[in-house]
Amino acid sequence: MLSRQAELTVTLNLLAVAGPEYVDFQPGAIPVVSEERTASLLVEAGGEWIRQYAQAVFLGSAYEDWYHHVERFCDCILRAGRRKRFGRSRTKPVPAALEAA
Protein backbone atom coordinates (compact mmCIF):
# COMPACT_ATOMS: atom_id res chain seq x y z
CA MET A 1 0.00 0.00 0.00
CA LEU A 2 1.18 3.53 -0.78
CA SER A 3 1.81 6.17 1.84
CA ARG A 4 -0.69 9.03 2.08
CA GLN A 5 1.82 11.38 0.46
CA ALA A 6 2.44 8.95 -2.41
CA GLU A 7 -1.33 8.55 -2.92
CA LEU A 8 -1.72 12.33 -3.05
CA THR A 9 1.15 12.61 -5.54
CA VAL A 10 -0.42 9.95 -7.78
CA THR A 11 -3.82 11.67 -7.52
CA LEU A 12 -2.37 15.05 -8.46
CA ASN A 13 -0.44 13.54 -11.37
CA LEU A 14 -3.53 11.76 -12.71
CA LEU A 15 -5.56 14.96 -12.50
CA ALA A 16 -2.77 16.91 -14.21
CA VAL A 17 -2.76 14.44 -17.10
CA ALA A 18 -6.56 14.43 -17.39
CA GLY A 19 -6.94 18.20 -17.01
CA PRO A 20 -6.06 19.28 -20.57
CA GLU A 21 -8.69 16.92 -21.95
CA TYR A 22 -11.36 18.80 -19.99
CA VAL A 23 -10.37 22.37 -20.89
CA ASP A 24 -13.47 22.89 -23.06
CA PHE A 25 -15.77 20.63 -21.02
CA GLN A 26 -18.92 22.69 -20.43
CA PRO A 27 -19.52 21.87 -16.76
CA GLY A 28 -16.09 23.38 -16.07
CA ALA A 29 -14.97 20.49 -13.87
CA ILE A 30 -13.60 16.98 -14.19
CA PRO A 31 -16.22 14.47 -13.03
CA VAL A 32 -14.55 11.91 -10.78
CA VAL A 33 -16.11 8.98 -8.96
CA SER A 34 -14.14 7.65 -6.04
CA GLU A 35 -14.41 5.32 -3.13
CA GLU A 36 -14.27 6.70 0.41
CA ARG A 37 -10.56 6.26 0.98
CA THR A 38 -9.45 8.29 -2.02
CA ALA A 39 -12.29 10.84 -1.84
CA SER A 40 -10.39 12.77 0.83
CA LEU A 41 -7.34 12.86 -1.48
CA LEU A 42 -9.46 14.41 -4.21
CA VAL A 43 -10.75 17.04 -1.79
CA GLU A 44 -7.15 17.72 -0.68
CA ALA A 45 -6.26 18.16 -4.34
CA GLY A 46 -8.96 20.82 -4.71
CA GLY A 47 -11.94 18.67 -5.62
CA GLU A 48 -15.45 19.30 -4.40
CA TRP A 49 -17.24 16.45 -2.65
CA ILE A 50 -20.76 16.23 -4.04
CA ARG A 51 -22.45 13.21 -2.52
CA GLN A 52 -22.04 9.72 -1.18
CA TYR A 53 -23.72 6.86 -2.97
CA ALA A 54 -25.20 4.00 -1.00
CA GLN A 55 -24.93 1.55 -3.88
CA ALA A 56 -22.83 1.51 -6.99
CA VAL A 57 -24.80 1.57 -10.24
CA PHE A 58 -23.11 -1.56 -11.55
CA LEU A 59 -24.68 -3.58 -8.74
CA GLY A 60 -28.18 -2.81 -9.99
CA SER A 61 -29.95 -4.78 -12.68
CA ALA A 62 -30.06 -1.76 -15.00
CA TYR A 63 -26.28 -1.50 -15.22
CA GLU A 64 -26.11 -2.81 -18.78
CA ASP A 65 -28.53 -0.12 -20.00
CA TRP A 66 -26.63 2.54 -18.07
CA TYR A 67 -23.32 1.35 -19.51
CA HIS A 68 -24.68 1.61 -23.06
CA HIS A 69 -26.11 5.04 -22.32
CA VAL A 70 -22.74 6.30 -21.05
CA GLU A 71 -20.94 4.66 -23.95
CA ARG A 72 -23.21 6.42 -26.49
CA PHE A 73 -22.79 9.72 -24.64
CA CYS A 74 -18.98 9.42 -24.64
CA ASP A 75 -18.93 8.42 -28.31
CA CYS A 76 -20.95 11.53 -29.11
CA ILE A 77 -18.49 13.73 -27.21
CA LEU A 78 -15.51 12.09 -28.90
CA ARG A 79 -17.03 12.54 -32.37
CA ALA A 80 -17.76 16.20 -31.66
CA GLY A 81 -14.24 16.64 -30.33
CA ARG A 82 -12.70 15.13 -33.43
CA ARG A 83 -14.77 17.42 -35.63
CA LYS A 84 -13.53 20.41 -33.64
CA ARG A 85 -10.01 18.96 -33.39
CA PHE A 86 -9.98 18.59 -29.60
CA GLY A 87 -7.88 15.96 -27.93
CA ARG A 88 -4.81 14.17 -29.17
CA SER A 89 -6.34 11.36 -31.18
CA ARG A 90 -5.28 12.80 -34.54
CA THR A 91 -1.83 11.48 -35.39
CA LYS A 92 -1.88 12.25 -39.12
CA PRO A 93 -2.56 15.62 -40.73
CA VAL A 94 -6.01 16.13 -42.20
CA PRO A 95 -5.97 15.82 -46.02
CA ALA A 96 -6.51 19.16 -47.76
CA ALA A 97 -9.67 17.81 -49.44
CA LEU A 98 -11.22 17.26 -46.01
CA GLU A 99 -10.10 20.60 -44.57
CA ALA A 100 -12.81 22.49 -46.46
CA ALA A 101 -15.54 20.04 -45.45
PDB file of N, CA and C in Angstrom:
ATOM      1  N   MET A   1       0.836  -1.169   0.000  1.00  0.00           N
ATOM      2  CA  MET A   1       0.000   0.000   0.000  1.00  0.00           C
ATOM      3  C   MET A   1       0.889   1.243   0.000  1.00  0.00           C
ATOM      4  N   LEU A   2       0.429   2.279  -0.697  1.00  0.00           N
ATOM      5  CA  LEU A   2       1.178   3.526  -0.783  1.00  0.00           C
ATOM      6  C   LEU A   2       0.980   4.371   0.473  1.00  0.00           C
ATOM      7  N   SER A   3       1.966   5.208   0.737  1.00  0.00           N
ATOM      8  CA  SER A   3       1.813   6.166   1.841  1.00  0.00           C
ATOM      9  C   SER A   3       0.800   7.229   1.424  1.00  0.00           C
ATOM     10  N   ARG A   4       0.286   7.963   2.376  1.00  0.00           N
ATOM     11  CA  ARG A   4      -0.688   9.026   2.084  1.00  0.00           C
ATOM     12  C   ARG A   4      -0.087  10.049   1.126  1.00  0.00           C
ATOM     13  N   GLN A   5       1.167  10.411   1.333  1.00  0.00           N
ATOM     14  CA  GLN A   5       1.825  11.384   0.457  1.00  0.00           C
ATOM     15  C   GLN A   5       1.969  10.833  -0.962  1.00  0.00           C
ATOM     16  N   ALA A   6       2.320   9.560  -1.085  1.00  0.00           N
ATOM     17  CA  ALA A   6       2.442   8.946  -2.412  1.00  0.00           C
ATOM     18  C   ALA A   6       1.078   8.892  -3.096  1.00  0.00           C
ATOM     19  N   GLU A   7       0.022   8.568  -2.345  1.00  0.00           N
ATOM     20  CA  GLU A   7      -1.330   8.545  -2.917  1.00  0.00           C
ATOM     21  C   GLU A   7      -1.723   9.930  -3.423  1.00  0.00           C
ATOM     22  N   LEU A   8      -1.405  10.962  -2.643  1.00  0.00           N
ATOM     23  CA  LEU A   8      -1.723  12.330  -3.052  1.00  0.00           C
ATOM     24  C   LEU A   8      -0.947  12.712  -4.303  1.00  0.00           C
ATOM     25  N   THR A   9       0.317  12.331  -4.363  1.00  0.00           N
ATOM     26  CA  THR A   9       1.147  12.606  -5.539  1.00  0.00           C
ATOM     27  C   THR A   9       0.568  11.940  -6.782  1.00  0.00           C
ATOM     28  N   VAL A  10       0.176  10.681  -6.648  1.00  0.00           N
ATOM     29  CA  VAL A  10      -0.419   9.955  -7.777  1.00  0.00           C
ATOM     30  C   VAL A  10      -1.725  10.631  -8.201  1.00  0.00           C
ATOM     31  N   THR A  11      -2.547  11.007  -7.224  1.00  0.00           N
ATOM     32  CA  THR A  11      -3.819  11.669  -7.523  1.00  0.00           C
ATOM     33  C   THR A  11      -3.585  12.973  -8.277  1.00  0.00           C
ATOM     34  N   LEU A  12      -2.667  13.784  -7.798  1.00  0.00           N
ATOM     35  CA  LEU A  12      -2.369  15.055  -8.462  1.00  0.00           C
ATOM     36  C   LEU A  12      -1.831  14.845  -9.869  1.00  0.00           C
ATOM     37  N   ASN A  13      -0.986  13.828 -10.041  1.00  0.00           N
ATOM     38  CA  ASN A  13      -0.442  13.540 -11.373  1.00  0.00           C
ATOM     39  C   ASN A  13      -1.527  13.072 -12.336  1.00  0.00           C
ATOM     40  N   LEU A  14      -2.429  12.222 -11.851  1.00  0.00           N
ATOM     41  CA  LEU A  14      -3.533  11.764 -12.711  1.00  0.00           C
ATOM     42  C   LEU A  14      -4.431  12.923 -13.126  1.00  0.00           C
ATOM     43  N   LEU A  15      -4.734  13.795 -12.176  1.00  0.00           N
ATOM     44  CA  LEU A  15      -5.558  14.955 -12.499  1.00  0.00           C
ATOM     45  C   LEU A  15      -4.842  15.901 -13.466  1.00  0.00           C
ATOM     46  N   ALA A  16      -3.538  16.052 -13.305  1.00  0.00           N
ATOM     47  CA  ALA A  16      -2.768  16.912 -14.209  1.00  0.00           C
ATOM     48  C   ALA A  16      -2.773  16.370 -15.631  1.00  0.00           C
ATOM     49  N   VAL A  17      -2.727  15.055 -15.768  1.00  0.00           N
ATOM     50  CA  VAL A  17      -2.760  14.440 -17.099  1.00  0.00           C
ATOM     51  C   VAL A  17      -4.159  14.552 -17.707  1.00  0.00           C
ATOM     52  N   ALA A  18      -5.182  14.372 -16.888  1.00  0.00           N
ATOM     53  CA  ALA A  18      -6.561  14.426 -17.389  1.00  0.00           C
ATOM     54  C   ALA A  18      -7.014  15.858 -17.662  1.00  0.00           C
ATOM     55  N   GLY A  19      -6.498  16.815 -16.922  1.00  0.00           N
ATOM     56  CA  GLY A  19      -6.942  18.200 -17.007  1.00  0.00           C
ATOM     57  C   GLY A  19      -7.033  18.794 -18.401  1.00  0.00           C
ATOM     58  N   PRO A  20      -5.993  18.686 -19.225  1.00  0.00           N
ATOM     59  CA  PRO A  20      -6.058  19.281 -20.566  1.00  0.00           C
ATOM     60  C   PRO A  20      -7.189  18.727 -21.432  1.00  0.00           C
ATOM     61  N   GLU A  21      -7.596  17.512 -21.176  1.00  0.00           N
ATOM     62  CA  GLU A  21      -8.688  16.920 -21.955  1.00  0.00           C
ATOM     63  C   GLU A  21     -10.043  17.530 -21.584  1.00  0.00           C
ATOM     64  N   TYR A  22     -10.105  18.215 -20.466  1.00  0.00           N
ATOM     65  CA  TYR A  22     -11.364  18.798 -19.987  1.00  0.00           C
ATOM     66  C   TYR A  22     -11.397  20.322 -20.094  1.00  0.00           C
ATOM     67  N   VAL A  23     -10.444  20.918 -20.791  1.00  0.00           N
ATOM     68  CA  VAL A  23     -10.375  22.373 -20.887  1.00  0.00           C
ATOM     69  C   VAL A  23     -11.682  22.964 -21.417  1.00  0.00           C
ATOM     70  N   ASP A  24     -12.251  22.367 -22.447  1.00  0.00           N
ATOM     71  CA  ASP A  24     -13.472  22.891 -23.056  1.00  0.00           C
ATOM     72  C   ASP A  24     -14.723  22.162 -22.597  1.00  0.00           C
ATOM     73  N   PHE A  25     -14.634  21.389 -21.543  1.00  0.00           N
ATOM     74  CA  PHE A  25     -15.768  20.629 -21.021  1.00  0.00           C
ATOM     75  C   PHE A  25     -16.734  21.610 -20.358  1.00  0.00           C
ATOM     76  N   GLN A  26     -17.970  21.675 -20.860  1.00  0.00           N
ATOM     77  CA  GLN A  26     -18.924  22.689 -20.431  1.00  0.00           C
ATOM     78  C   GLN A  26     -19.177  22.777 -18.933  1.00  0.00           C
ATOM     79  N   PRO A  27     -19.285  21.691 -18.195  1.00  0.00           N
ATOM     80  CA  PRO A  27     -19.518  21.874 -16.757  1.00  0.00           C
ATOM     81  C   PRO A  27     -18.372  22.593 -16.036  1.00  0.00           C
ATOM     82  N   GLY A  28     -17.212  22.668 -16.677  1.00  0.00           N
ATOM     83  CA  GLY A  28     -16.093  23.376 -16.067  1.00  0.00           C
ATOM     84  C   GLY A  28     -15.404  22.622 -14.948  1.00  0.00           C
ATOM     85  N   ALA A  29     -15.599  21.317 -14.905  1.00  0.00           N
ATOM     86  CA  ALA A  29     -14.969  20.494 -13.871  1.00  0.00           C
ATOM     87  C   ALA A  29     -14.742  19.098 -14.426  1.00  0.00           C
ATOM     88  N   ILE A  30     -13.850  18.368 -13.806  1.00  0.00           N
ATOM     89  CA  ILE A  30     -13.597  16.983 -14.186  1.00  0.00           C
ATOM     90  C   ILE A  30     -14.458  16.094 -13.299  1.00  0.00           C
ATOM     91  N   PRO A  31     -15.405  15.363 -13.867  1.00  0.00           N
ATOM     92  CA  PRO A  31     -16.216  14.474 -13.033  1.00  0.00           C
ATOM     93  C   PRO A  31     -15.396  13.260 -12.603  1.00  0.00           C
ATOM     94  N   VAL A  32     -15.335  13.019 -11.310  1.00  0.00           N
ATOM     95  CA  VAL A  32     -14.553  11.906 -10.776  1.00  0.00           C
ATOM     96  C   VAL A  32     -15.419  11.142  -9.782  1.00  0.00           C
ATOM     97  N   VAL A  33     -15.431   9.843  -9.930  1.00  0.00           N
ATOM     98  CA  VAL A  33     -16.110   8.983  -8.962  1.00  0.00           C
ATOM     99  C   VAL A  33     -15.027   8.262  -8.184  1.00  0.00           C
ATOM    100  N   SER A  34     -15.181   8.221  -6.886  1.00  0.00           N
ATOM    101  CA  SER A  34     -14.144   7.649  -6.042  1.00  0.00           C
ATOM    102  C   SER A  34     -14.765   6.861  -4.909  1.00  0.00           C
ATOM    103  N   GLU A  35     -13.972   5.993  -4.347  1.00  0.00           N
ATOM    104  CA  GLU A  35     -14.412   5.322  -3.135  1.00  0.00           C
ATOM    105  C   GLU A  35     -13.989   6.193  -1.953  1.00  0.00           C
ATOM    106  N   GLU A  36     -14.459   5.858  -0.775  1.00  0.00           N
ATOM    107  CA  GLU A  36     -14.274   6.696   0.410  1.00  0.00           C
ATOM    108  C   GLU A  36     -12.824   7.046   0.711  1.00  0.00           C
ATOM    109  N   ARG A  37     -11.960   6.069   0.596  1.00  0.00           N
ATOM    110  CA  ARG A  37     -10.561   6.263   0.981  1.00  0.00           C
ATOM    111  C   ARG A  37      -9.874   7.325   0.144  1.00  0.00           C
ATOM    112  N   THR A  38     -10.125   7.316  -1.161  1.00  0.00           N
ATOM    113  CA  THR A  38      -9.451   8.290  -2.016  1.00  0.00           C
ATOM    114  C   THR A  38     -10.241   9.582  -2.188  1.00  0.00           C
ATOM    115  N   ALA A  39     -11.496   9.611  -1.734  1.00  0.00           N
ATOM    116  CA  ALA A  39     -12.286  10.841  -1.839  1.00  0.00           C
ATOM    117  C   ALA A  39     -11.614  11.986  -1.093  1.00  0.00           C
ATOM    118  N   SER A  40     -11.050  11.706   0.065  1.00  0.00           N
ATOM    119  CA  SER A  40     -10.388  12.769   0.833  1.00  0.00           C
ATOM    120  C   SER A  40      -9.151  13.287   0.091  1.00  0.00           C
ATOM    121  N   LEU A  41      -8.483  12.420  -0.672  1.00  0.00           N
ATOM    122  CA  LEU A  41      -7.340  12.862  -1.477  1.00  0.00           C
ATOM    123  C   LEU A  41      -7.801  13.836  -2.553  1.00  0.00           C
ATOM    124  N   LEU A  42      -8.933  13.530  -3.160  1.00  0.00           N
ATOM    125  CA  LEU A  42      -9.458  14.411  -4.206  1.00  0.00           C
ATOM    126  C   LEU A  42      -9.835  15.773  -3.627  1.00  0.00           C
ATOM    127  N   VAL A  43     -10.402  15.777  -2.440  1.00  0.00           N
ATOM    128  CA  VAL A  43     -10.745  17.038  -1.787  1.00  0.00           C
ATOM    129  C   VAL A  43      -9.462  17.801  -1.451  1.00  0.00           C
ATOM    130  N   GLU A  44      -8.450  17.096  -0.963  1.00  0.00           N
ATOM    131  CA  GLU A  44      -7.147  17.719  -0.678  1.00  0.00           C
ATOM    132  C   GLU A  44      -6.536  18.324  -1.932  1.00  0.00           C
ATOM    133  N   ALA A  45      -6.808  17.697  -3.071  1.00  0.00           N
ATOM    134  CA  ALA A  45      -6.264  18.165  -4.345  1.00  0.00           C
ATOM    135  C   ALA A  45      -7.097  19.294  -4.933  1.00  0.00           C
ATOM    136  N   GLY A  46      -8.151  19.708  -4.225  1.00  0.00           N
ATOM    137  CA  GLY A  46      -8.959  20.821  -4.714  1.00  0.00           C
ATOM    138  C   GLY A  46     -10.327  20.415  -5.237  1.00  0.00           C
ATOM    139  N   GLY A  47     -10.645  19.139  -5.152  1.00  0.00           N
ATOM    140  CA  GLY A  47     -11.944  18.669  -5.622  1.00  0.00           C
ATOM    141  C   GLY A  47     -13.073  19.049  -4.685  1.00  0.00           C
ATOM    142  N   GLU A  48     -14.263  18.994  -5.198  1.00  0.00           N
ATOM    143  CA  GLU A  48     -15.448  19.296  -4.395  1.00  0.00           C
ATOM    144  C   GLU A  48     -16.248  18.023  -4.206  1.00  0.00           C
ATOM    145  N   TRP A  49     -16.447  17.638  -2.957  1.00  0.00           N
ATOM    146  CA  TRP A  49     -17.238  16.448  -2.649  1.00  0.00           C
ATOM    147  C   TRP A  49     -18.688  16.792  -2.904  1.00  0.00           C
ATOM    148  N   ILE A  50     -19.373  15.960  -3.681  1.00  0.00           N
ATOM    149  CA  ILE A  50     -20.763  16.234  -4.040  1.00  0.00           C
ATOM    150  C   ILE A  50     -21.726  15.388  -3.211  1.00  0.00           C
ATOM    151  N   ARG A  51     -21.540  14.081  -3.256  1.00  0.00           N
ATOM    152  CA  ARG A  51     -22.454  13.213  -2.519  1.00  0.00           C
ATOM    153  C   ARG A  51     -21.870  11.832  -2.342  1.00  0.00           C
ATOM    154  N   GLN A  52     -22.426  11.105  -1.417  1.00  0.00           N
ATOM    155  CA  GLN A  52     -22.043   9.715  -1.184  1.00  0.00           C
ATOM    156  C   GLN A  52     -23.150   8.821  -1.733  1.00  0.00           C
ATOM    157  N   TYR A  53     -22.761   7.802  -2.429  1.00  0.00           N
ATOM    158  CA  TYR A  53     -23.724   6.858  -2.974  1.00  0.00           C
ATOM    159  C   TYR A  53     -23.803   5.642  -2.067  1.00  0.00           C
ATOM    160  N   ALA A  54     -25.004   5.168  -1.852  1.00  0.00           N
ATOM    161  CA  ALA A  54     -25.200   4.000  -1.000  1.00  0.00           C
ATOM    162  C   ALA A  54     -24.945   2.709  -1.766  1.00  0.00           C
ATOM    163  N   GLN A  55     -25.110   2.751  -3.075  1.00  0.00           N
ATOM    164  CA  GLN A  55     -24.927   1.547  -3.883  1.00  0.00           C
ATOM    165  C   GLN A  55     -24.368   1.948  -5.233  1.00  0.00           C
ATOM    166  N   ALA A  56     -23.390   1.233  -5.686  1.00  0.00           N
ATOM    167  CA  ALA A  56     -22.827   1.514  -6.994  1.00  0.00           C
ATOM    168  C   ALA A  56     -23.820   1.093  -8.073  1.00  0.00           C
ATOM    169  N   VAL A  57     -23.852   1.841  -9.152  1.00  0.00           N
ATOM    170  CA  VAL A  57     -24.796   1.574 -10.240  1.00  0.00           C
ATOM    171  C   VAL A  57     -24.604   0.172 -10.804  1.00  0.00           C
ATOM    172  N   PHE A  58     -23.355  -0.270 -10.905  1.00  0.00           N
ATOM    173  CA  PHE A  58     -23.113  -1.561 -11.546  1.00  0.00           C
ATOM    174  C   PHE A  58     -23.659  -2.733 -10.750  1.00  0.00           C
ATOM    175  N   LEU A  59     -24.080  -2.494  -9.522  1.00  0.00           N
ATOM    176  CA  LEU A  59     -24.682  -3.575  -8.745  1.00  0.00           C
ATOM    177  C   LEU A  59     -26.163  -3.751  -9.065  1.00  0.00           C
ATOM    178  N   GLY A  60     -26.760  -2.735  -9.663  1.00  0.00           N
ATOM    179  CA  GLY A  60     -28.177  -2.810  -9.995  1.00  0.00           C
ATOM    180  C   GLY A  60     -28.407  -3.564 -11.291  1.00  0.00           C
ATOM    181  N   SER A  61     -29.633  -4.000 -11.490  1.00  0.00           N
ATOM    182  CA  SER A  61     -29.954  -4.781 -12.685  1.00  0.00           C
ATOM    183  C   SER A  61     -29.938  -3.933 -13.953  1.00  0.00           C
ATOM    184  N   ALA A  62     -30.029  -2.627 -13.825  1.00  0.00           N
ATOM    185  CA  ALA A  62     -30.057  -1.757 -15.003  1.00  0.00           C
ATOM    186  C   ALA A  62     -28.658  -1.342 -15.452  1.00  0.00           C
ATOM    187  N   TYR A  63     -27.636  -1.924 -14.888  1.00  0.00           N
ATOM    188  CA  TYR A  63     -26.279  -1.503 -15.220  1.00  0.00           C
ATOM    189  C   TYR A  63     -25.990  -1.596 -16.703  1.00  0.00           C
ATOM    190  N   GLU A  64     -26.416  -2.652 -17.356  1.00  0.00           N
ATOM    191  CA  GLU A  64     -26.113  -2.811 -18.778  1.00  0.00           C
ATOM    192  C   GLU A  64     -26.691  -1.650 -19.585  1.00  0.00           C
ATOM    193  N   ASP A  65     -27.921  -1.262 -19.306  1.00  0.00           N
ATOM    194  CA  ASP A  65     -28.526  -0.123 -20.002  1.00  0.00           C
ATOM    195  C   ASP A  65     -27.762   1.169 -19.703  1.00  0.00           C
ATOM    196  N   TRP A  66     -27.387   1.361 -18.450  1.00  0.00           N
ATOM    197  CA  TRP A  66     -26.633   2.543 -18.067  1.00  0.00           C
ATOM    198  C   TRP A  66     -25.280   2.575 -18.780  1.00  0.00           C
ATOM    199  N   TYR A  67     -24.614   1.435 -18.827  1.00  0.00           N
ATOM    200  CA  TYR A  67     -23.321   1.346 -19.507  1.00  0.00           C
ATOM    201  C   TYR A  67     -23.465   1.773 -20.969  1.00  0.00           C
ATOM    202  N   HIS A  68     -24.478   1.258 -21.655  1.00  0.00           N
ATOM    203  CA  HIS A  68     -24.680   1.608 -23.063  1.00  0.00           C
ATOM    204  C   HIS A  68     -25.036   3.086 -23.225  1.00  0.00           C
ATOM    205  N   HIS A  69     -25.784   3.620 -22.286  1.00  0.00           N
ATOM    206  CA  HIS A  69     -26.108   5.045 -22.323  1.00  0.00           C
ATOM    207  C   HIS A  69     -24.829   5.885 -22.205  1.00  0.00           C
ATOM    208  N   VAL A  70     -23.987   5.562 -21.243  1.00  0.00           N
ATOM    209  CA  VAL A  70     -22.739   6.296 -21.045  1.00  0.00           C
ATOM    210  C   VAL A  70     -21.819   6.126 -22.252  1.00  0.00           C
ATOM    211  N   GLU A  71     -21.768   4.921 -22.786  1.00  0.00           N
ATOM    212  CA  GLU A  71     -20.939   4.661 -23.955  1.00  0.00           C
ATOM    213  C   GLU A  71     -21.382   5.518 -25.143  1.00  0.00           C
ATOM    214  N   ARG A  72     -22.692   5.592 -25.391  1.00  0.00           N
ATOM    215  CA  ARG A  72     -23.213   6.424 -26.493  1.00  0.00           C
ATOM    216  C   ARG A  72     -22.902   7.898 -26.247  1.00  0.00           C
ATOM    217  N   PHE A  73     -23.067   8.332 -25.001  1.00  0.00           N
ATOM    218  CA  PHE A  73     -22.793   9.716 -24.645  1.00  0.00           C
ATOM    219  C   PHE A  73     -21.319  10.055 -24.893  1.00  0.00           C
ATOM    220  N   CYS A  74     -20.424   9.188 -24.446  1.00  0.00           N
ATOM    221  CA  CYS A  74     -18.982   9.418 -24.638  1.00  0.00           C
ATOM    222  C   CYS A  74     -18.611   9.388 -26.112  1.00  0.00           C
ATOM    223  N   ASP A  75     -19.191   8.470 -26.864  1.00  0.00           N
ATOM    224  CA  ASP A  75     -18.933   8.419 -28.305  1.00  0.00           C
ATOM    225  C   ASP A  75     -19.340   9.726 -28.980  1.00  0.00           C
ATOM    226  N   CYS A  76     -20.467  10.265 -28.563  1.00  0.00           N
ATOM    227  CA  CYS A  76     -20.953  11.530 -29.112  1.00  0.00           C
ATOM    228  C   CYS A  76     -19.961  12.655 -28.814  1.00  0.00           C
ATOM    229  N   ILE A  77     -19.466  12.707 -27.593  1.00  0.00           N
ATOM    230  CA  ILE A  77     -18.493  13.732 -27.207  1.00  0.00           C
ATOM    231  C   ILE A  77     -17.205  13.568 -27.997  1.00  0.00           C
ATOM    232  N   LEU A  78     -16.744  12.330 -28.148  1.00  0.00           N
ATOM    233  CA  LEU A  78     -15.509  12.087 -28.904  1.00  0.00           C
ATOM    234  C   LEU A  78     -15.659  12.487 -30.366  1.00  0.00           C
ATOM    235  N   ARG A  79     -16.801  12.153 -30.968  1.00  0.00           N
ATOM    236  CA  ARG A  79     -17.034  12.538 -32.375  1.00  0.00           C
ATOM    237  C   ARG A  79     -17.032  14.056 -32.517  1.00  0.00           C
ATOM    238  N   ALA A  80     -17.716  14.733 -31.613  1.00  0.00           N
ATOM    239  CA  ALA A  80     -17.757  16.199 -31.665  1.00  0.00           C
ATOM    240  C   ALA A  80     -16.358  16.773 -31.468  1.00  0.00           C
ATOM    241  N   GLY A  81     -15.599  16.189 -30.561  1.00  0.00           N
ATOM    242  CA  GLY A  81     -14.238  16.644 -30.325  1.00  0.00           C
ATOM    243  C   GLY A  81     -13.344  16.463 -31.534  1.00  0.00           C
ATOM    244  N   ARG A  82     -13.512  15.361 -32.221  1.00  0.00           N
ATOM    245  CA  ARG A  82     -12.698  15.127 -33.426  1.00  0.00           C
ATOM    246  C   ARG A  82     -13.054  16.138 -34.507  1.00  0.00           C
ATOM    247  N   ARG A  83     -14.354  16.438 -34.629  1.00  0.00           N
ATOM    248  CA  ARG A  83     -14.771  17.421 -35.629  1.00  0.00           C
ATOM    249  C   ARG A  83     -14.189  18.793 -35.323  1.00  0.00           C
ATOM    250  N   LYS A  84     -14.049  19.096 -34.046  1.00  0.00           N
ATOM    251  CA  LYS A  84     -13.531  20.407 -33.643  1.00  0.00           C
ATOM    252  C   LYS A  84     -12.035  20.347 -33.340  1.00  0.00           C
ATOM    253  N   ARG A  85     -11.453  19.184 -33.570  1.00  0.00           N
ATOM    254  CA  ARG A  85     -10.009  18.956 -33.385  1.00  0.00           C
ATOM    255  C   ARG A  85      -9.555  19.090 -31.946  1.00  0.00           C
ATOM    256  N   PHE A  86     -10.388  18.626 -30.990  1.00  0.00           N
ATOM    257  CA  PHE A  86      -9.982  18.588 -29.600  1.00  0.00           C
ATOM    258  C   PHE A  86      -9.288  17.268 -29.345  1.00  0.00           C
ATOM    259  N   GLY A  87      -8.525  17.212 -28.308  1.00  0.00           N
ATOM    260  CA  GLY A  87      -7.883  15.956 -27.926  1.00  0.00           C
ATOM    261  C   GLY A  87      -6.642  15.687 -28.736  1.00  0.00           C
ATOM    262  N   ARG A  88      -6.081  14.523 -28.522  1.00  0.00           N
ATOM    263  CA  ARG A  88      -4.809  14.169 -29.167  1.00  0.00           C
ATOM    264  C   ARG A  88      -4.939  12.944 -30.043  1.00  0.00           C
ATOM    265  N   SER A  89      -6.152  12.598 -30.441  1.00  0.00           N
ATOM    266  CA  SER A  89      -6.342  11.360 -31.180  1.00  0.00           C
ATOM    267  C   SER A  89      -5.843  11.450 -32.618  1.00  0.00           C
ATOM    268  N   ARG A  90      -5.698  12.655 -33.149  1.00  0.00           N
ATOM    269  CA  ARG A  90      -5.276  12.800 -34.540  1.00  0.00           C
ATOM    270  C   ARG A  90      -3.757  12.691 -34.609  1.00  0.00           C
ATOM    271  N   THR A  91      -3.271  11.660 -35.270  1.00  0.00           N
ATOM    272  CA  THR A  91      -1.829  11.476 -35.394  1.00  0.00           C
ATOM    273  C   THR A  91      -1.349  11.852 -36.785  1.00  0.00           C
ATOM    274  N   LYS A  92      -2.253  11.884 -37.765  1.00  0.00           N
ATOM    275  CA  LYS A  92      -1.877  12.246 -39.125  1.00  0.00           C
ATOM    276  C   LYS A  92      -2.547  13.568 -39.474  1.00  0.00           C
ATOM    277  N   PRO A  93      -1.922  14.363 -40.330  1.00  0.00           N
ATOM    278  CA  PRO A  93      -2.557  15.621 -40.731  1.00  0.00           C
ATOM    279  C   PRO A  93      -3.835  15.349 -41.532  1.00  0.00           C
ATOM    280  N   VAL A  94      -4.756  16.269 -41.467  1.00  0.00           N
ATOM    281  CA  VAL A  94      -6.013  16.134 -42.203  1.00  0.00           C
ATOM    282  C   VAL A  94      -5.720  16.425 -43.672  1.00  0.00           C
ATOM    283  N   PRO A  95      -6.177  15.554 -44.601  1.00  0.00           N
ATOM    284  CA  PRO A  95      -5.970  15.820 -46.020  1.00  0.00           C
ATOM    285  C   PRO A  95      -6.634  17.135 -46.424  1.00  0.00           C
ATOM    286  N   ALA A  96      -6.013  17.860 -47.337  1.00  0.00           N
ATOM    287  CA  ALA A  96      -6.514  19.164 -47.765  1.00  0.00           C
ATOM    288  C   ALA A  96      -7.956  19.077 -48.271  1.00  0.00           C
ATOM    289  N   ALA A  97      -8.308  17.975 -48.916  1.00  0.00           N
ATOM    290  CA  ALA A  97      -9.666  17.805 -49.445  1.00  0.00           C
ATOM    291  C   ALA A  97     -10.697  17.783 -48.331  1.00  0.00           C
ATOM    292  N   LEU A  98     -10.291  17.325 -47.136  1.00  0.00           N
ATOM    293  CA  LEU A  98     -11.220  17.262 -46.013  1.00  0.00           C
ATOM    294  C   LEU A  98     -11.230  18.538 -45.191  1.00  0.00           C
ATOM    295  N   GLU A  99     -10.196  19.355 -45.336  1.00  0.00           N
ATOM    296  CA  GLU A  99     -10.097  20.595 -44.574  1.00  0.00           C
ATOM    297  C   GLU A  99     -11.285  21.505 -44.827  1.00  0.00           C
ATOM    298  N   ALA A 100     -11.721  21.589 -46.093  1.00  0.00           N
ATOM    299  CA  ALA A 100     -12.812  22.493 -46.456  1.00  0.00           C
ATOM    300  C   ALA A 100     -14.162  21.939 -46.050  1.00  0.00           C
ATOM    301  N   ALA A 101     -14.245  20.666 -45.765  1.00  0.00           N
ATOM    302  CA  ALA A 101     -15.543  20.035 -45.452  1.00  0.00           C
ATOM    303  C   ALA A 101     -16.117  20.478 -44.154  1.00  0.00           C
TER     304      ALA A 101
END
